[in-house]
C-alpha cells in the first residue's frame, strides 16, 4: 500500500523519500513563493529539500498574495 498525505484537504500519493520540495514541484508550485505547514507546524523554506513527508501527514500549501 502506498503512502498518502493530505494536501489542502485532498489525498495525495507520496513517492518514497518525498520531500516538501519534491511535493511542491509535483504540484507545480514555485517553492520560493509557497508557505507550507506540516501537521500544523510551519516548515522553514530552507528546509523544504530536507523535510521528508510521511504517511498520514497533513500539509497546507499557501501562496502569499500581495495587494494594495
N, C-alpha and C. Protein backbone atom coordinates (compact mmCIF):
# COMPACT_ATOMS: atom_id res chain seq x y z
N UNK A 1 0.85 -1.17 0.00
CA UNK A 1 0.00 0.00 0.00
C UNK A 1 0.90 1.24 0.00
N UNK A 2 0.58 2.20 -0.85
CA UNK A 2 1.42 3.37 -0.94
C UNK A 2 1.08 4.39 0.15
N UNK A 3 2.05 5.22 0.46
CA UNK A 3 1.87 6.25 1.48
C UNK A 3 1.03 7.39 0.90
N UNK A 4 0.21 7.98 1.75
CA UNK A 4 -0.67 9.07 1.33
C UNK A 4 -0.59 10.17 2.38
N UNK A 5 -0.55 11.41 1.91
CA UNK A 5 -0.68 12.54 2.81
C UNK A 5 -1.87 13.36 2.34
N UNK A 6 -2.30 14.26 3.17
CA UNK A 6 -3.41 15.15 2.84
C UNK A 6 -2.81 16.51 2.49
N UNK A 7 -3.05 16.98 1.27
CA UNK A 7 -2.55 18.28 0.83
C UNK A 7 -3.76 19.17 0.56
N UNK A 8 -3.89 20.21 1.36
CA UNK A 8 -5.03 21.13 1.21
C UNK A 8 -6.36 20.36 1.13
N UNK A 9 -6.50 19.42 2.06
CA UNK A 9 -7.73 18.62 2.23
C UNK A 9 -7.98 17.58 1.14
N UNK A 10 -6.97 17.26 0.33
CA UNK A 10 -7.12 16.24 -0.70
C UNK A 10 -6.03 15.20 -0.54
N UNK A 11 -6.39 13.91 -0.74
CA UNK A 11 -5.40 12.84 -0.67
C UNK A 11 -4.37 13.02 -1.78
N UNK A 12 -3.12 12.73 -1.44
CA UNK A 12 -2.03 12.83 -2.40
C UNK A 12 -1.07 11.68 -2.14
N UNK A 13 -0.82 10.86 -3.15
CA UNK A 13 0.12 9.75 -3.02
C UNK A 13 1.54 10.30 -2.88
N UNK A 14 2.31 9.66 -2.03
CA UNK A 14 3.69 10.06 -1.82
C UNK A 14 4.63 9.09 -2.50
N UNK A 15 5.69 9.63 -3.09
CA UNK A 15 6.76 8.80 -3.59
C UNK A 15 7.69 8.48 -2.43
N UNK A 16 8.44 7.41 -2.51
CA UNK A 16 9.36 7.06 -1.44
C UNK A 16 10.38 8.17 -1.24
N UNK A 17 10.56 8.60 0.00
CA UNK A 17 11.53 9.64 0.32
C UNK A 17 11.13 11.03 -0.14
N UNK A 18 9.86 11.23 -0.44
CA UNK A 18 9.42 12.53 -0.96
C UNK A 18 9.60 13.63 0.08
N UNK A 19 10.16 14.73 -0.37
CA UNK A 19 10.37 15.90 0.48
C UNK A 19 9.32 16.96 0.15
N UNK A 20 9.26 17.98 0.99
CA UNK A 20 8.37 19.11 0.71
C UNK A 20 8.72 19.70 -0.65
N UNK A 21 10.01 19.85 -0.93
CA UNK A 21 10.45 20.43 -2.20
C UNK A 21 9.95 19.62 -3.39
N UNK A 22 10.08 18.29 -3.33
CA UNK A 22 9.61 17.43 -4.43
C UNK A 22 8.10 17.49 -4.56
N UNK A 23 7.41 17.53 -3.43
CA UNK A 23 5.95 17.63 -3.47
C UNK A 23 5.53 18.92 -4.17
N UNK A 24 6.14 20.04 -3.80
CA UNK A 24 5.79 21.31 -4.43
C UNK A 24 6.05 21.27 -5.93
N UNK A 25 7.15 20.66 -6.34
CA UNK A 25 7.46 20.54 -7.76
C UNK A 25 6.39 19.72 -8.48
N UNK A 26 5.98 18.62 -7.87
CA UNK A 26 4.93 17.78 -8.48
C UNK A 26 3.60 18.51 -8.56
N UNK A 27 3.36 19.42 -7.62
CA UNK A 27 2.12 20.19 -7.63
C UNK A 27 2.21 21.41 -8.56
N UNK A 28 3.42 21.68 -9.08
CA UNK A 28 3.62 22.82 -9.95
C UNK A 28 3.64 24.14 -9.20
N UNK A 29 4.07 24.09 -7.95
CA UNK A 29 4.12 25.29 -7.11
C UNK A 29 5.58 25.70 -6.93
N UNK A 30 5.88 26.97 -7.18
CA UNK A 30 7.22 27.51 -7.00
C UNK A 30 7.54 27.56 -5.51
N UNK A 31 8.53 26.78 -5.08
CA UNK A 31 8.87 26.67 -3.66
C UNK A 31 9.24 27.98 -3.00
N UNK A 32 9.89 28.88 -3.74
CA UNK A 32 10.30 30.14 -3.17
C UNK A 32 9.14 31.05 -2.81
N UNK A 33 7.97 30.75 -3.36
CA UNK A 33 6.80 31.58 -3.12
C UNK A 33 5.71 30.85 -2.33
N UNK A 34 6.00 29.65 -1.88
CA UNK A 34 4.99 28.87 -1.16
C UNK A 34 5.26 28.87 0.34
N UNK A 35 4.18 28.93 1.10
CA UNK A 35 4.25 28.74 2.54
C UNK A 35 3.68 27.36 2.83
N UNK A 36 4.38 26.59 3.66
CA UNK A 36 3.97 25.21 3.91
C UNK A 36 3.86 24.96 5.41
N UNK A 37 2.77 24.30 5.79
CA UNK A 37 2.61 23.78 7.15
C UNK A 37 2.53 22.27 7.05
N UNK A 38 3.17 21.61 7.99
CA UNK A 38 3.11 20.16 8.09
C UNK A 38 2.57 19.81 9.46
N UNK A 39 1.42 19.19 9.49
CA UNK A 39 0.78 18.80 10.75
C UNK A 39 0.63 19.99 11.69
N UNK A 40 0.27 21.14 11.12
CA UNK A 40 0.00 22.32 11.91
C UNK A 40 1.22 23.16 12.28
N UNK A 41 2.40 22.71 11.88
CA UNK A 41 3.64 23.43 12.18
C UNK A 41 4.25 23.99 10.90
N UNK A 42 4.70 25.25 10.90
CA UNK A 42 5.31 25.80 9.70
C UNK A 42 6.63 25.10 9.37
N UNK A 43 6.90 24.97 8.08
CA UNK A 43 8.16 24.40 7.61
C UNK A 43 8.98 25.56 7.04
N UNK A 44 10.20 25.71 7.50
CA UNK A 44 11.09 26.76 7.01
C UNK A 44 11.45 26.48 5.55
N UNK A 45 11.42 27.52 4.72
CA UNK A 45 11.75 27.34 3.30
C UNK A 45 13.12 26.68 3.12
N UNK A 46 14.06 27.03 3.96
CA UNK A 46 15.41 26.47 3.84
C UNK A 46 15.43 24.96 4.11
N UNK A 47 14.34 24.43 4.67
CA UNK A 47 14.27 23.00 5.00
C UNK A 47 13.42 22.20 4.01
N UNK A 48 12.83 22.85 3.00
CA UNK A 48 11.93 22.15 2.07
C UNK A 48 12.58 20.92 1.43
N UNK A 49 13.87 21.00 1.11
CA UNK A 49 14.56 19.88 0.48
C UNK A 49 14.97 18.79 1.44
N UNK A 50 14.85 19.04 2.74
CA UNK A 50 15.29 18.08 3.74
C UNK A 50 14.16 17.40 4.50
N UNK A 51 13.00 18.05 4.58
CA UNK A 51 11.88 17.51 5.35
C UNK A 51 11.16 16.44 4.52
N UNK A 52 11.29 15.18 4.96
CA UNK A 52 10.62 14.07 4.28
C UNK A 52 9.20 13.93 4.80
N UNK A 53 8.30 13.70 3.88
CA UNK A 53 6.89 13.53 4.23
C UNK A 53 6.61 12.08 4.57
N UNK A 54 5.64 11.90 5.45
CA UNK A 54 5.29 10.54 5.90
C UNK A 54 3.81 10.28 5.70
N UNK A 55 3.47 9.01 5.66
CA UNK A 55 2.09 8.59 5.53
C UNK A 55 1.23 9.26 6.60
N UNK A 56 0.15 9.87 6.19
CA UNK A 56 -0.77 10.50 7.14
C UNK A 56 -0.49 11.95 7.45
N UNK A 57 0.64 12.49 6.95
CA UNK A 57 0.93 13.91 7.18
C UNK A 57 -0.19 14.77 6.61
N UNK A 58 -0.46 15.87 7.29
CA UNK A 58 -1.43 16.86 6.81
C UNK A 58 -0.64 18.10 6.40
N UNK A 59 -0.70 18.41 5.13
CA UNK A 59 0.07 19.50 4.55
C UNK A 59 -0.87 20.61 4.09
N UNK A 60 -0.50 21.84 4.41
CA UNK A 60 -1.21 23.01 3.87
C UNK A 60 -0.19 23.78 3.05
N UNK A 61 -0.53 24.03 1.79
CA UNK A 61 0.32 24.81 0.90
C UNK A 61 -0.45 26.09 0.55
N UNK A 62 0.19 27.22 0.81
CA UNK A 62 -0.44 28.51 0.51
C UNK A 62 0.55 29.37 -0.25
N UNK A 63 0.01 30.20 -1.12
CA UNK A 63 0.84 31.16 -1.84
C UNK A 63 0.42 32.55 -1.38
N UNK A 64 1.38 33.30 -0.83
CA UNK A 64 1.02 34.65 -0.38
C UNK A 64 0.58 35.51 -1.56
N UNK A 65 -0.36 36.39 -1.30
CA UNK A 65 -0.87 37.28 -2.32
C UNK A 65 -0.61 38.71 -1.88
N UNK A 66 0.05 39.45 -2.73
CA UNK A 66 0.32 40.86 -2.42
C UNK A 66 -0.80 41.69 -3.01
N UNK A 67 -1.16 42.71 -2.32
CA UNK A 67 -2.22 43.56 -2.82
C UNK A 67 -2.06 44.97 -2.26
N UNK A 68 -2.89 45.82 -2.75
CA UNK A 68 -2.75 47.17 -2.27
C UNK A 68 -4.03 47.89 -2.06
